[in-house]
Amino acid sequence: MSCRCSEISRCNRDITTLGQMIHQLTLLRSEDAKVKGELEKLGDASYTAITPRNILSLVSYEEKLNDPISRLRKSMLGDCIDEKRRLEGICKSMQNEDNAYHKEEEEKKKNNQ
């Protein structure tokens, strides 16, 4: 068993970074909704602006342009949440190990005096 203070510090920094990423990805949810709304408006405007034979597929395509980005954002958010939880578990384990190590070191110092 050894001191884990530096690993704990790095782990906590990673957890903080993931927390910030989760926050930003969550904020993007409202931006996704705005983009989706604008794309739906574009689809509606296509009915009045142009009249190709394939207008229905064009409108459908316009309305779904943001779907891949939205799915990717949701996937990234889930991955970040899972990784943050995993690191929190690892960090807690390292903290327990580190506390035991430092307690043992203190006991050794007291016994040597």
PDB file of N, CA and C in Angstrom:
ATOM      1  N   MET A   1       0.850  -1.169   0.000  1.00  0.00           N
ATOM      2  CA  MET A   1       0.000   0.000   0.000  1.00  0.00           C
ATOM      3  C   MET A   1       0.901   1.240   0.000  1.00  0.00           C
ATOM      4  N   SER A   2       0.470   2.245  -0.775  1.00  0.00           N
ATOM      5  CA  SER A   2       1.261   3.478  -0.843  1.00  0.00           C
ATOM      6  C   SER A   2       0.323   4.688  -0.887  1.00  0.00           C
ATOM      7  N   CYS A   3       0.922   5.857  -0.799  1.00  0.00           N
ATOM      8  CA  CYS A   3       0.175   7.106  -0.843  1.00  0.00           C
ATOM      9  C   CYS A   3      -0.465   7.259  -2.219  1.00  0.00           C
ATOM     10  N   ARG A   4      -1.731   7.606  -2.247  1.00  0.00           N
ATOM     11  CA  ARG A   4      -2.470   7.751  -3.504  1.00  0.00           C
ATOM     12  C   ARG A   4      -2.917   9.194  -3.738  1.00  0.00           C
ATOM     13  N   CYS A   5      -2.356  10.123  -2.971  1.00  0.00           N
ATOM     14  CA  CYS A   5      -2.805  11.522  -3.036  1.00  0.00           C
ATOM     15  C   CYS A   5      -2.741  12.096  -4.451  1.00  0.00           C
ATOM     16  N   SER A   6      -1.653  11.858  -5.162  1.00  0.00           N
ATOM     17  CA  SER A   6      -1.534  12.441  -6.511  1.00  0.00           C
ATOM     18  C   SER A   6      -2.531  11.808  -7.473  1.00  0.00           C
ATOM     19  N   GLU A   7      -2.742  10.477  -7.364  1.00  0.00           N
ATOM     20  CA  GLU A   7      -3.729   9.832  -8.229  1.00  0.00           C
ATOM     21  C   GLU A   7      -5.143  10.332  -7.920  1.00  0.00           C
ATOM     22  N   ILE A   8      -5.416  10.536  -6.639  1.00  0.00           N
ATOM     23  CA  ILE A   8      -6.729  11.042  -6.227  1.00  0.00           C
ATOM     24  C   ILE A   8      -6.935  12.444  -6.805  1.00  0.00           C
ATOM     25  N   SER A   9      -5.915  13.264  -6.744  1.00  0.00           N
ATOM     26  CA  SER A   9      -6.003  14.623  -7.285  1.00  0.00           C
ATOM     27  C   SER A   9      -6.298  14.599  -8.783  1.00  0.00           C
ATOM     28  N   ARG A  10      -5.576  13.750  -9.515  1.00  0.00           N
ATOM     29  CA  ARG A  10      -5.811  13.641 -10.962  1.00  0.00           C
ATOM     30  C   ARG A  10      -7.214  13.106 -11.254  1.00  0.00           C
ATOM     31  N   CYS A  11      -7.631  12.142 -10.482  1.00  0.00           N
ATOM     32  CA  CYS A  11      -8.963  11.561 -10.658  1.00  0.00           C
ATOM     33  C   CYS A  11     -10.044  12.620 -10.402  1.00  0.00           C
ATOM     34  N   ASN A  12      -9.858  13.418  -9.352  1.00  0.00           N
ATOM     35  CA  ASN A  12     -10.822  14.482  -9.049  1.00  0.00           C
ATOM     36  C   ASN A  12     -10.870  15.533 -10.156  1.00  0.00           C
ATOM     37  N   ARG A  13      -9.708  15.824 -10.756  1.00  0.00           N
ATOM     38  CA  ARG A  13      -9.690  16.768 -11.887  1.00  0.00           C
ATOM     39  C   ARG A  13     -10.482  16.202 -13.068  1.00  0.00           C
ATOM     40  N   ASP A  14     -10.301  14.909 -13.324  1.00  0.00           N
ATOM     41  CA  ASP A  14     -11.048  14.271 -14.408  1.00  0.00           C
ATOM     42  C   ASP A  14     -12.551  14.285 -14.131  1.00  0.00           C
ATOM     43  N   ILE A  15     -12.916  14.033 -12.892  1.00  0.00           N
ATOM     44  CA  ILE A  15     -14.331  14.053 -12.504  1.00  0.00           C
ATOM     45  C   ILE A  15     -14.898  15.458 -12.703  1.00  0.00           C
ATOM     46  N   THR A  16     -14.137  16.478 -12.320  1.00  0.00           N
ATOM     47  CA  THR A  16     -14.581  17.867 -12.509  1.00  0.00           C
ATOM     48  C   THR A  16     -14.750  18.181 -13.992  1.00  0.00           C
ATOM     49  N   THR A  17     -13.791  17.751 -14.800  1.00  0.00           N
ATOM     50  CA  THR A  17     -13.878  17.983 -16.248  1.00  0.00           C
ATOM     51  C   THR A  17     -15.113  17.300 -16.830  1.00  0.00           C
ATOM     52  N   LEU A  18     -15.350  16.061 -16.418  1.00  0.00           N
ATOM     53  CA  LEU A  18     -16.538  15.354 -16.901  1.00  0.00           C
ATOM     54  C   LEU A  18     -17.816  16.054 -16.438  1.00  0.00           C
ATOM     55  N   GLY A  19     -17.814  16.572 -15.229  1.00  0.00           N
ATOM     56  CA  GLY A  19     -18.971  17.325 -14.737  1.00  0.00           C
ATOM     57  C   GLY A  19     -19.244  18.547 -15.600  1.00  0.00           C
ATOM     58  N   GLN A  20     -18.184  19.236 -15.995  1.00  0.00           N
ATOM     59  CA  GLN A  20     -18.338  20.394 -16.872  1.00  0.00           C
ATOM     60  C   GLN A  20     -18.861  19.978 -18.245  1.00  0.00           C
ATOM     61  N   MET A  21     -18.360  18.860 -18.761  1.00  0.00           N
ATOM     62  CA  MET A  21     -18.839  18.364 -20.052  1.00  0.00           C
ATOM     63  C   MET A  21     -20.318  17.994 -19.972  1.00  0.00           C
ATOM     64  N   ILE A  22     -20.705  17.341 -18.898  1.00  0.00           N
ATOM     65  CA  ILE A  22     -22.110  16.963 -18.699  1.00  0.00           C
ATOM     66  C   ILE A  22     -22.979  18.212 -18.674  1.00  0.00           C
ATOM     67  N   HIS A  23     -22.510  19.238 -17.964  1.00  0.00           N
ATOM     68  CA  HIS A  23     -23.260  20.494 -17.895  1.00  0.00           C
ATOM     69  C   HIS A  23     -23.431  21.113 -19.284  1.00  0.00           C
ATOM     70  N   GLN A  24     -22.336  21.175 -20.044  1.00  0.00           N
ATOM     71  CA  GLN A  24     -22.399  21.771 -21.389  1.00  0.00           C
ATOM     72  C   GLN A  24     -23.294  20.960 -22.319  1.00  0.00           C
ATOM     73  N   LEU A  25     -23.178  19.632 -22.267  1.00  0.00           N
ATOM     74  CA  LEU A  25     -24.016  18.793 -23.117  1.00  0.00           C
ATOM     75  C   LEU A  25     -25.487  18.911 -22.736  1.00  0.00           C
ATOM     76  N   THR A  26     -25.753  19.100 -21.466  1.00  0.00           N
ATOM     77  CA  THR A  26     -27.133  19.298 -21.018  1.00  0.00           C
ATOM     78  C   THR A  26     -27.676  20.623 -21.539  1.00  0.00           C
ATOM     79  N   LEU A  27     -26.840  21.671 -21.506  1.00  0.00           N
ATOM     80  CA  LEU A  27     -27.261  22.966 -22.038  1.00  0.00           C
ATOM     81  C   LEU A  27     -27.554  22.886 -23.537  1.00  0.00           C
ATOM     82  N   LEU A  28     -26.837  22.023 -24.231  1.00  0.00           N
ATOM     83  CA  LEU A  28     -27.044  21.881 -25.671  1.00  0.00           C
ATOM     84  C   LEU A  28     -28.411  21.296 -26.008  1.00  0.00           C
ATOM     85  N   ARG A  29     -29.051  20.669 -25.037  1.00  0.00           N
ATOM     86  CA  ARG A  29     -30.389  20.109 -25.261  1.00  0.00           C
ATOM     87  C   ARG A  29     -31.353  21.197 -25.728  1.00  0.00           C
ATOM     88  N   SER A  30     -31.301  22.371 -25.104  1.00  0.00           N
ATOM     89  CA  SER A  30     -32.199  23.456 -25.517  1.00  0.00           C
ATOM     90  C   SER A  30     -31.831  23.975 -26.902  1.00  0.00           C
ATOM     91  N   GLU A  31     -30.526  23.988 -27.205  1.00  0.00           N
ATOM     92  CA  GLU A  31     -30.100  24.395 -28.543  1.00  0.00           C
ATOM     93  C   GLU A  31     -30.592  23.398 -29.585  1.00  0.00           C
ATOM     94  N   ASP A  32     -30.555  22.112 -29.236  1.00  0.00           N
ATOM     95  CA  ASP A  32     -31.092  21.085 -30.130  1.00  0.00           C
ATOM     96  C   ASP A  32     -32.562  21.348 -30.432  1.00  0.00           C
ATOM     97  N   ALA A  33     -33.304  21.686 -29.393  1.00  0.00           N
ATOM     98  CA  ALA A  33     -34.737  21.947 -29.574  1.00  0.00           C
ATOM     99  C   ALA A  33     -34.955  23.154 -30.491  1.00  0.00           C
ATOM    100  N   LYS A  34     -34.126  24.188 -30.322  1.00  0.00           N
ATOM    101  CA  LYS A  34     -34.248  25.374 -31.183  1.00  0.00           C
ATOM    102  C   LYS A  34     -33.946  25.026 -32.635  1.00  0.00           C
ATOM    103  N   VAL A  35     -32.869  24.267 -32.855  1.00  0.00           N
ATOM    104  CA  VAL A  35     -32.498  23.883 -34.218  1.00  0.00           C
ATOM    105  C   VAL A  35     -33.605  23.038 -34.844  1.00  0.00           C
ATOM    106  N   LYS A  36     -34.118  22.099 -34.065  1.00  0.00           N
ATOM    107  CA  LYS A  36     -35.206  21.242 -34.574  1.00  0.00           C
ATOM    108  C   LYS A  36     -36.407  22.091 -34.962  1.00  0.00           C
ATOM    109  N   GLY A  37     -36.752  23.059 -34.130  1.00  0.00           N
ATOM    110  CA  GLY A  37     -37.873  23.950 -34.433  1.00  0.00           C
ATOM    111  C   GLY A  37     -37.639  24.740 -35.713  1.00  0.00           C
ATOM    112  N   GLU A  38     -36.417  25.247 -35.865  1.00  0.00           N
ATOM    113  CA  GLU A  38     -36.100  26.007 -37.083  1.00  0.00           C
ATOM    114  C   GLU A  38     -36.139  25.123 -38.327  1.00  0.00           C
ATOM    115  N   LEU A  39     -35.667  23.903 -38.201  1.00  0.00           N
ATOM    116  CA  LEU A  39     -35.721  22.976 -39.340  1.00  0.00           C
ATOM    117  C   LEU A  39     -37.165  22.616 -39.687  1.00  0.00           C
ATOM    118  N   GLU A  40     -38.005  22.495 -38.681  1.00  0.00           N
ATOM    119  CA  GLU A  40     -39.423  22.240 -38.950  1.00  0.00           C
ATOM    120  C   GLU A  40     -40.066  23.436 -39.644  1.00  0.00           C
ATOM    121  N   LYS A  41     -39.678  24.650 -39.229  1.00  0.00           N
ATOM    122  CA  LYS A  41     -40.178  25.851 -39.912  1.00  0.00           C
ATOM    123  C   LYS A  41     -39.718  25.872 -41.364  1.00  0.00           C
ATOM    124  N   LEU A  42     -38.463  25.464 -41.584  1.00  0.00           N
ATOM    125  CA  LEU A  42     -37.933  25.396 -42.945  1.00  0.00           C
ATOM    126  C   LEU A  42     -38.751  24.417 -43.776  1.00  0.00           C
ATOM    127  N   GLY A  43     -39.066  23.283 -43.172  1.00  0.00           N
ATOM    128  CA  GLY A  43     -39.899  22.308 -43.871  1.00  0.00           C
ATOM    129  C   GLY A  43     -41.254  22.877 -44.216  1.00  0.00           C
ATOM    130  N   ASP A  44     -41.875  23.585 -43.284  1.00  0.00           N
ATOM    131  CA  ASP A  44     -43.173  24.212 -43.545  1.00  0.00           C
ATOM    132  C   ASP A  44     -43.059  25.278 -44.636  1.00  0.00           C
ATOM    133  N   ALA A  45     -41.968  26.046 -44.599  1.00  0.00           N
ATOM    134  CA  ALA A  45     -41.782  27.102 -45.599  1.00  0.00           C
ATOM    135  C   ALA A  45     -41.579  26.512 -46.993  1.00  0.00           C
ATOM    136  N   SER A  46     -41.031  25.318 -47.067  1.00  0.00           N
ATOM    137  CA  SER A  46     -40.811  24.696 -48.374  1.00  0.00           C
ATOM    138  C   SER A  46     -42.121  24.458 -49.111  1.00  0.00           C
ATOM    139  N   TYR A  47     -43.183  24.211 -48.372  1.00  0.00           N
ATOM    140  CA  TYR A  47     -44.486  24.004 -49.012  1.00  0.00           C
ATOM    141  C   TYR A  47     -44.919  25.233 -49.801  1.00  0.00           C
ATOM    142  N   THR A  48     -44.627  26.398 -49.253  1.00  0.00           N
ATOM    143  CA  THR A  48     -45.077  27.628 -49.921  1.00  0.00           C
ATOM    144  C   THR A  48     -44.049  28.190 -50.891  1.00  0.00           C
ATOM    145  N   ALA A  49     -42.778  27.834 -50.698  1.00  0.00           N
ATOM    146  CA  ALA A  49     -41.730  28.420 -51.528  1.00  0.00           C
ATOM    147  C   ALA A  49     -41.504  27.660 -52.834  1.00  0.00           C
ATOM    148  N   ILE A  50     -41.578  26.346 -52.768  1.00  0.00           N
ATOM    149  CA  ILE A  50     -41.324  25.542 -53.960  1.00  0.00           C
ATOM    150  C   ILE A  50     -42.330  24.409 -54.051  1.00  0.00           C
ATOM    151  N   THR A  51     -42.512  23.874 -55.237  1.00  0.00           N
ATOM    152  CA  THR A  51     -43.479  22.787 -55.396  1.00  0.00           C
ATOM    153  C   THR A  51     -42.909  21.639 -56.240  1.00  0.00           C
ATOM    154  N   PRO A  52     -41.813  21.043 -55.780  1.00  0.00           N
ATOM    155  CA  PRO A  52     -41.311  19.887 -56.525  1.00  0.00           C
ATOM    156  C   PRO A  52     -42.209  18.673 -56.294  1.00  0.00           C
ATOM    157  N   ARG A  53     -42.052  17.671 -57.131  1.00  0.00           N
ATOM    158  CA  ARG A  53     -42.849  16.440 -56.982  1.00  0.00           C
ATOM    159  C   ARG A  53     -42.534  15.735 -55.664  1.00  0.00           C
ATOM    160  N   ASN A  54     -41.310  15.853 -55.204  1.00  0.00           N
ATOM    161  CA  ASN A  54     -40.901  15.155 -53.978  1.00  0.00           C
ATOM    162  C   ASN A  54     -40.925  16.059 -52.747  1.00  0.00           C
ATOM    163  N   ILE A  55     -41.864  16.993 -52.694  1.00  0.00           N
ATOM    164  CA  ILE A  55     -41.910  17.958 -51.585  1.00  0.00           C
ATOM    165  C   ILE A  55     -42.022  17.256 -50.227  1.00  0.00           C
ATOM    166  N   LEU A  56     -42.805  16.187 -50.157  1.00  0.00           N
ATOM    167  CA  LEU A  56     -42.976  15.517 -48.860  1.00  0.00           C
ATOM    168  C   LEU A  56     -41.659  14.922 -48.357  1.00  0.00           C
ATOM    169  N   SER A  57     -40.892  14.306 -49.236  1.00  0.00           N
ATOM    170  CA  SER A  57     -39.613  13.752 -48.780  1.00  0.00           C
ATOM    171  C   SER A  57     -38.615  14.862 -48.470  1.00  0.00           C
ATOM    172  N   LEU A  58     -38.685  15.973 -49.219  1.00  0.00           N
ATOM    173  CA  LEU A  58     -37.810  17.112 -48.949  1.00  0.00           C
ATOM    174  C   LEU A  58     -38.111  17.695 -47.568  1.00  0.00           C
ATOM    175  N   VAL A  59     -39.376  17.902 -47.282  1.00  0.00           N
ATOM    176  CA  VAL A  59     -39.776  18.453 -45.980  1.00  0.00           C
ATOM    177  C   VAL A  59     -39.360  17.497 -44.866  1.00  0.00           C
ATOM    178  N   SER A  60     -39.587  16.217 -45.063  1.00  0.00           N
ATOM    179  CA  SER A  60     -39.207  15.223 -44.055  1.00  0.00           C
ATOM    180  C   SER A  60     -37.703  15.259 -43.822  1.00  0.00           C
ATOM    181  N   TYR A  61     -36.935  15.363 -44.897  1.00  0.00           N
ATOM    182  CA  TYR A  61     -35.475  15.418 -44.782  1.00  0.00           C
ATOM    183  C   TYR A  61     -35.036  16.671 -44.027  1.00  0.00           C
ATOM    184  N   GLU A  62     -35.620  17.797 -44.350  1.00  0.00           N
ATOM    185  CA  GLU A  62     -35.261  19.052 -43.673  1.00  0.00           C
ATOM    186  C   GLU A  62     -35.545  18.971 -42.180  1.00  0.00           C
ATOM    187  N   GLU A  63     -36.675  18.371 -41.827  1.00  0.00           N
ATOM    188  CA  GLU A  63     -37.062  18.287 -40.423  1.00  0.00           C
ATOM    189  C   GLU A  63     -36.147  17.349 -39.635  1.00  0.00           C
ATOM    190  N   LYS A  64     -35.523  16.402 -40.320  1.00  0.00           N
ATOM    191  CA  LYS A  64     -34.696  15.407 -39.628  1.00  0.00           C
ATOM    192  C   LYS A  64     -33.200  15.697 -39.708  1.00  0.00           C
ATOM    193  N   LEU A  65     -32.806  16.829 -40.250  1.00  0.00           N
ATOM    194  CA  LEU A  65     -31.376  17.129 -40.409  1.00  0.00           C
ATOM    195  C   LEU A  65     -30.608  17.114 -39.087  1.00  0.00           C
ATOM    196  N   ASN A  66     -31.247  17.504 -38.003  1.00  0.00           N
ATOM    197  CA  ASN A  66     -30.553  17.598 -36.718  1.00  0.00           C
ATOM    198  C   ASN A  66     -30.557  16.282 -35.947  1.00  0.00           C
ATOM    199  N   ASP A  67     -31.307  15.293 -36.406  1.00  0.00           N
ATOM    200  CA  ASP A  67     -31.422  14.039 -35.655  1.00  0.00           C
ATOM    201  C   ASP A  67     -30.083  13.366 -35.366  1.00  0.00           C
ATOM    202  N   PRO A  68     -29.177  13.231 -36.348  1.00  0.00           N
ATOM    203  CA  PRO A  68     -27.889  12.580 -36.022  1.00  0.00           C
ATOM    204  C   PRO A  68     -27.095  13.330 -34.952  1.00  0.00           C
ATOM    205  N   ILE A  69     -27.147  14.647 -35.005  1.00  0.00           N
ATOM    206  CA  ILE A  69     -26.420  15.451 -34.015  1.00  0.00           C
ATOM    207  C   ILE A  69     -27.052  15.275 -32.639  1.00  0.00           C
ATOM    208  N   SER A  70     -28.363  15.278 -32.603  1.00  0.00           N
ATOM    209  CA  SER A  70     -29.078  15.105 -31.342  1.00  0.00           C
ATOM    210  C   SER A  70     -28.772  13.735 -30.731  1.00  0.00           C
ATOM    211  N   ARG A  71     -28.780  12.692 -31.552  1.00  0.00           N
ATOM    212  CA  ARG A  71     -28.467  11.343 -31.060  1.00  0.00           C
ATOM    213  C   ARG A  71     -27.026  11.279 -30.550  1.00  0.00           C
ATOM    214  N   LEU A  72     -26.107  11.895 -31.268  1.00  0.00           N
ATOM    215  CA  LEU A  72     -24.704  11.901 -30.855  1.00  0.00           C
ATOM    216  C   LEU A  72     -24.542  12.632 -29.521  1.00  0.00           C
ATOM    217  N   ARG A  73     -25.211  13.768 -29.368  1.00  0.00           N
ATOM    218  CA  ARG A  73     -25.134  14.511 -28.108  1.00  0.00           C
ATOM    219  C   ARG A  73     -25.664  13.663 -26.960  1.00  0.00           C
ATOM    220  N   LYS A  74     -26.786  12.993 -27.174  1.00  0.00           N
ATOM    221  CA  LYS A  74     -27.356  12.141 -26.123  1.00  0.00           C
ATOM    222  C   LYS A  74     -26.406  11.001 -25.773  1.00  0.00           C
ATOM    223  N   SER A  75     -25.790  10.418 -26.785  1.00  0.00           N
ATOM    224  CA  SER A  75     -24.842   9.332 -26.563  1.00  0.00           C
ATOM    225  C   SER A  75     -23.623   9.830 -25.781  1.00  0.00           C
ATOM    226  N   MET A  76     -23.101  10.984 -26.165  1.00  0.00           N
ATOM    227  CA  MET A  76     -21.946  11.555 -25.475  1.00  0.00           C
ATOM    228  C   MET A  76     -22.300  11.869 -24.026  1.00  0.00           C
ATOM    229  N   LEU A  77     -23.481  12.401 -23.810  1.00  0.00           N
ATOM    230  CA  LEU A  77     -23.921  12.721 -22.453  1.00  0.00           C
ATOM    231  C   LEU A  77     -23.972  11.454 -21.606  1.00  0.00           C
ATOM    232  N   GLY A  78     -24.567  10.399 -22.145  1.00  0.00           N
ATOM    233  CA  GLY A  78     -24.630   9.125 -21.423  1.00  0.00           C
ATOM    234  C   GLY A  78     -23.249   8.571 -21.118  1.00  0.00           C
ATOM    235  N   ASP A  79     -22.350   8.650 -22.105  1.00  0.00           N
ATOM    236  CA  ASP A  79     -20.974   8.161 -21.904  1.00  0.00           C
ATOM    237  C   ASP A  79     -20.261   8.956 -20.812  1.00  0.00           C
ATOM    238  N   CYS A  80     -20.446  10.274 -20.823  1.00  0.00           N
ATOM    239  CA  CYS A  80     -19.804  11.122 -19.804  1.00  0.00           C
ATOM    240  C   CYS A  80     -20.342  10.812 -18.412  1.00  0.00           C
ATOM    241  N   ILE A  81     -21.642  10.637 -18.305  1.00  0.00           N
ATOM    242  CA  ILE A  81     -22.249  10.316 -17.006  1.00  0.00           C
ATOM    243  C   ILE A  81     -21.726   8.980 -16.494  1.00  0.00           C
ATOM    244  N   ASP A  82     -21.679   7.976 -17.378  1.00  0.00           N
ATOM    245  CA  ASP A  82     -21.174   6.660 -16.978  1.00  0.00           C
ATOM    246  C   ASP A  82     -19.719   6.731 -16.542  1.00  0.00           C
ATOM    247  N   GLU A  83     -18.897   7.447 -17.299  1.00  0.00           N
ATOM    248  CA  GLU A  83     -17.477   7.552 -16.967  1.00  0.00           C
ATOM    249  C   GLU A  83     -17.273   8.312 -15.659  1.00  0.00           C
ATOM    250  N   LYS A  84     -18.058   9.347 -15.438  1.00  0.00           N
ATOM    251  CA  LYS A  84     -17.952  10.113 -14.187  1.00  0.00           C
ATOM    252  C   LYS A  84     -18.284   9.220 -12.996  1.00  0.00           C
ATOM    253  N   ARG A  85     -19.342   8.433 -13.119  1.00  0.00           N
ATOM    254  CA  ARG A  85     -19.708   7.509 -12.033  1.00  0.00           C
ATOM    255  C   ARG A  85     -18.598   6.483 -11.786  1.00  0.00           C
ATOM    256  N   ARG A  86     -18.024   5.970 -12.879  1.00  0.00           N
ATOM    257  CA  ARG A  86     -16.951   4.988 -12.750  1.00  0.00           C
ATOM    258  C   ARG A  86     -15.756   5.596 -12.029  1.00  0.00           C
ATOM    259  N   LEU A  87     -15.368   6.807 -12.429  1.00  0.00           N
ATOM    260  CA  LEU A  87     -14.230   7.471 -11.793  1.00  0.00           C
ATOM    261  C   LEU A  87     -14.522   7.819 -10.338  1.00  0.00           C
ATOM    262  N   GLU A  88     -15.754   8.190 -10.042  1.00  0.00           N
ATOM    263  CA  GLU A  88     -16.099   8.485  -8.645  1.00  0.00           C
ATOM    264  C   GLU A  88     -15.919   7.246  -7.772  1.00  0.00           C
ATOM    265  N   GLY A  89     -16.284   6.080  -8.312  1.00  0.00           N
ATOM    266  CA  GLY A  89     -16.081   4.838  -7.569  1.00  0.00           C
ATOM    267  C   GLY A  89     -14.607   4.533  -7.360  1.00  0.00           C
ATOM    268  N   ILE A  90     -13.827   4.714  -8.414  1.00  0.00           N
ATOM    269  CA  ILE A  90     -12.388   4.486  -8.312  1.00  0.00           C
ATOM    270  C   ILE A  90     -11.759   5.450  -7.316  1.00  0.00           C
ATOM    271  N   CYS A  91     -12.162   6.709  -7.397  1.00  0.00           N
ATOM    272  CA  CYS A  91     -11.607   7.733  -6.512  1.00  0.00           C
ATOM    273  C   CYS A  91     -11.946   7.424  -5.050  1.00  0.00           C
ATOM    274  N   LYS A  92     -13.161   6.997  -4.815  1.00  0.00           N
ATOM    275  CA  LYS A  92     -13.561   6.656  -3.447  1.00  0.00           C
ATOM    276  C   LYS A  92     -12.717   5.497  -2.917  1.00  0.00           C
ATOM    277  N   SER A  93     -12.487   4.524  -3.764  1.00  0.00           N
ATOM    278  CA  SER A  93     -11.660   3.382  -3.377  1.00  0.00           C
ATOM    279  C   SER A  93     -10.230   3.829  -3.069  1.00  0.00           C
ATOM    280  N   MET A  94      -9.687   4.681  -3.928  1.00  0.00           N
ATOM    281  CA  MET A  94      -8.328   5.187  -3.698  1.00  0.00           C
ATOM    282  C   MET A  94      -8.265   6.010  -2.414  1.00  0.00           C
ATOM    283  N   GLN A  95      -9.303   6.788  -2.128  1.00  0.00           N
ATOM    284  CA  GLN A  95      -9.317   7.589  -0.904  1.00  0.00           C
ATOM    285  C   GLN A  95      -9.313   6.697   0.332  1.00  0.00           C
ATOM    286  N   ASN A  96     -10.087   5.615   0.269  1.00  0.00           N
ATOM    287  CA  ASN A  96     -10.095   4.676   1.404  1.00  0.00           C
ATOM    288  C   ASN A  96      -8.711   4.060   1.601  1.00  0.00           C
ATOM    289  N   GLU A  97      -8.097   3.662   0.491  1.00  0.00           N
ATOM    290  CA  GLU A  97      -6.752   3.085   0.551  1.00  0.00           C
ATOM    291  C   GLU A  97      -5.750   4.110   1.072  1.00  0.00           C
ATOM    292  N   ASP A  98      -5.865   5.335   0.588  1.00  0.00           N
ATOM    293  CA  ASP A  98      -4.943   6.397   1.004  1.00  0.00           C
ATOM    294  C   ASP A  98      -5.117   6.723   2.482  1.00  0.00           C
ATOM    295  N   ASN A  99      -6.358   6.793   2.943  1.00  0.00           N
ATOM    296  CA  ASN A  99      -6.610   7.055   4.365  1.00  0.00           C
ATOM    297  C   ASN A  99      -5.987   5.966   5.233  1.00  0.00           C
ATOM    298  N   ALA A 100      -6.136   4.709   4.817  1.00  0.00           N
ATOM    299  CA  ALA A 100      -5.547   3.598   5.571  1.00  0.00           C
ATOM    300  C   ALA A 100      -4.025   3.702   5.568  1.00  0.00           C
ATOM    301  N   TYR A 101      -3.455   4.062   4.429  1.00  0.00           N
ATOM    302  CA  TYR A 101      -1.999   4.205   4.330  1.00  0.00           C
ATOM    303  C   TYR A 101      -1.500   5.291   5.282  1.00  0.00           C
ATOM    304  N   HIS A 102      -2.137   6.460   5.247  1.00  0.00           N
ATOM    305  CA  HIS A 102      -1.680   7.567   6.096  1.00  0.00           C
ATOM    306  C   HIS A 102      -1.903   7.252   7.582  1.00  0.00           C
ATOM    307  N   LYS A 103      -2.960   6.551   7.879  1.00  0.00           N
ATOM    308  CA  LYS A 103      -3.209   6.157   9.267  1.00  0.00           C
ATOM    309  C   LYS A 103      -2.111   5.200   9.739  1.00  0.00           C
ATOM    310  N   GLU A 104      -1.760   4.273   8.875  1.00  0.00           N
ATOM    311  CA  GLU A 104      -0.682   3.327   9.195  1.00  0.00           C
ATOM    312  C   GLU A 104       0.647   4.055   9.378  1.00  0.00           C
ATOM    313  N   GLU A 105       0.926   5.032   8.522  1.00  0.00           N
ATOM    314  CA  GLU A 105       2.163   5.812   8.631  1.00  0.00           C
ATOM    315  C   GLU A 105       2.191   6.588   9.941  1.00  0.00           C
ATOM    316  N   GLU A 106       1.086   7.153  10.329  1.00  0.00           N
ATOM    317  CA  GLU A 106       1.000   7.880  11.607  1.00  0.00           C
ATOM    318  C   GLU A 106       1.257   6.940  12.780  1.00  0.00           C
ATOM    319  N   GLU A 107       0.705   5.742  12.691  1.00  0.00           N
ATOM    320  CA  GLU A 107       0.919   4.760  13.757  1.00  0.00           C
ATOM    321  C   GLU A 107       2.393   4.390  13.849  1.00  0.00           C
ATOM    322  N   LYS A 108       3.051   4.217  12.707  1.00  0.00           N
ATOM    323  CA  LYS A 108       4.480   3.897  12.693  1.00  0.00           C
ATOM    324  C   LYS A 108       5.290   5.015  13.335  1.00  0.00           C
ATOM    325  N   LYS A 109       4.930   6.265  13.021  1.00  0.00           N
ATOM    326  CA  LYS A 109       5.647   7.412  13.611  1.00  0.00           C
ATOM    327  C   LYS A 109       5.483   7.434  15.119  1.00  0.00           C
ATOM    328  N   LYS A 110       4.280   7.181  15.584  1.00  0.00           N
ATOM    329  CA  LYS A 110       4.032   7.185  17.025  1.00  0.00           C
ATOM    330  C   LYS A 110       4.798   6.065  17.721  1.00  0.00           C
ATOM    331  N   ASN A 111       4.862   4.919  17.101  1.00  0.00           N
ATOM    332  CA  ASN A 111       5.565   3.778  17.688  1.00  0.00           C
ATOM    333  C   ASN A 111       7.073   3.956  17.695  1.00  0.00           C
ATOM    334  N   ASN A 112       7.599   4.727  16.762  1.00  0.00           N
ATOM    335  CA  ASN A 112       9.042   4.949  16.687  1.00  0.00           C
ATOM    336  C   ASN A 112       9.513   6.037  17.637  1.00  0.00           C
ATOM    337  N   GLN A 113       8.642   6.771  18.202  1.00  0.00           N
ATOM    338  CA  GLN A 113       9.038   7.873  19.083  1.00  0.00           C
ATOM    339  C   GLN A 113       9.304   7.421  20.465  1.00  0.00           C
TER     340      GLN A 113
END
